[in-house]
Protein backbone atom coordinates (compact mmCIF):
# COMPACT_ATOMS: atom_id res chain seq x y z
CA MET A 1 12.94 1.07 -18.02
CA HIS A 2 13.28 4.39 -19.84
CA TRP A 3 14.98 2.78 -22.84
CA LEU A 4 12.30 0.09 -23.04
CA TRP A 5 9.74 2.88 -23.51
CA VAL A 6 11.99 4.41 -26.16
CA ILE A 7 11.83 1.11 -28.08
CA ILE A 8 8.06 0.88 -27.71
CA VAL A 9 7.64 4.49 -28.81
CA GLY A 10 10.03 3.72 -31.69
CA LEU A 11 7.74 0.95 -32.91
CA VAL A 12 4.76 3.28 -32.91
CA VAL A 13 6.83 6.06 -34.47
CA GLY A 14 7.95 3.73 -37.25
CA VAL A 15 4.34 2.98 -38.12
CA ILE A 16 3.44 6.69 -38.02
CA ALA A 17 6.47 7.61 -40.15
CA LYS A 18 5.41 4.99 -42.71
CA MET A 19 1.92 6.48 -42.84
CA LEU A 20 3.28 10.02 -43.20
CA LYS A 21 5.70 8.99 -45.93
CA PRO A 22 3.87 6.45 -48.05
CA GLY A 23 5.31 4.74 -51.07
CA LYS A 24 7.34 1.70 -51.90
CA ASP A 25 10.18 1.07 -49.46
CA PRO A 26 13.20 -0.89 -50.66
CA GLY A 27 13.49 -2.59 -47.27
CA GLY A 28 9.83 -2.98 -46.45
CA PHE A 29 7.99 -2.68 -43.18
CA ILE A 30 10.76 -4.16 -40.98
CA ILE A 31 13.28 -1.54 -42.13
CA THR A 32 10.73 1.22 -41.50
CA ILE A 33 10.10 -0.04 -37.96
CA SER A 34 13.86 -0.34 -37.35
CA LEU A 35 14.37 3.22 -38.56
CA GLY A 36 11.55 4.30 -36.23
CA ILE A 37 13.32 2.74 -33.27
CA ALA A 38 16.64 4.29 -34.35
CA GLY A 39 14.98 7.68 -34.82
CA SER A 40 13.45 7.43 -31.37
CA PHE A 41 16.83 6.57 -29.82
CA LEU A 42 18.55 9.38 -31.71
CA SER A 43 15.99 12.05 -30.88
CA THR A 44 15.82 10.91 -27.24
CA TYR A 45 19.59 11.10 -26.82
CA VAL A 46 20.03 14.42 -28.63
CA GLY A 47 16.92 16.06 -27.17
CA GLU A 48 17.77 15.11 -23.60
CA LYS A 49 21.45 16.06 -23.90
CA LEU A 50 20.58 19.48 -25.36
CA GLY A 51 17.82 20.01 -22.79
CA TRP A 52 15.04 20.32 -25.36
CA TRP A 53 12.75 17.91 -23.49
CA GLY A 54 12.61 15.51 -20.58
CA GLU A 55 12.28 11.75 -20.60
CA THR A 56 8.59 11.75 -21.45
CA GLY A 57 5.96 13.98 -22.97
CA LEU A 58 4.31 15.01 -26.19
CA VAL A 59 7.31 17.00 -27.42
CA HIS A 60 9.48 13.92 -26.94
CA PHE A 61 7.02 11.84 -28.99
CA LEU A 62 6.90 14.44 -31.78
CA GLY A 63 10.69 14.63 -31.77
CA SER A 64 10.83 10.86 -32.18
CA ILE A 65 8.52 11.06 -35.19
CA ALA A 66 10.70 13.76 -36.71
CA GLY A 67 13.85 11.70 -36.08
CA ALA A 68 12.29 8.64 -37.71
CA ILE A 69 11.15 10.62 -40.76
CA VAL A 70 14.62 12.14 -41.17
CA LEU A 71 16.24 8.70 -40.99
CA LEU A 72 13.66 7.32 -43.42
CA LEU A 73 14.39 10.12 -45.91
CA ILE A 74 18.15 9.56 -45.59
CA TYR A 75 17.61 5.83 -46.12
CA HIS A 76 15.57 6.51 -49.26
CA LEU A 77 18.23 8.84 -50.64
CA LEU A 78 20.98 6.27 -50.03
CA THR A 79 19.10 3.30 -51.44
CA ARG A 80 17.84 5.21 -54.47
CA ARG A 81 21.39 6.20 -55.44
CA SER A 82 22.77 2.70 -54.99
CA THR A 83 20.12 1.05 -57.17
CA THR A 84 20.54 3.37 -60.18
């Protein structure tokens, strides 16, 4: 059940990351949502393994947003280089 919440939080985080980093995305809204889910998974795994936060809480949610934004920035850097 914990990982189902990670996916749901990832959907919300993807939307928030898109609002925080506006602009034209090469992949569109679906890629942004997917990166939000991936960021949520990544920050959940790393944060829990390093003992930064538990399974739930505000810090976990903020970490998921940060993970999604980092993945979104990496995605933009990779797609910008490949199109030029």
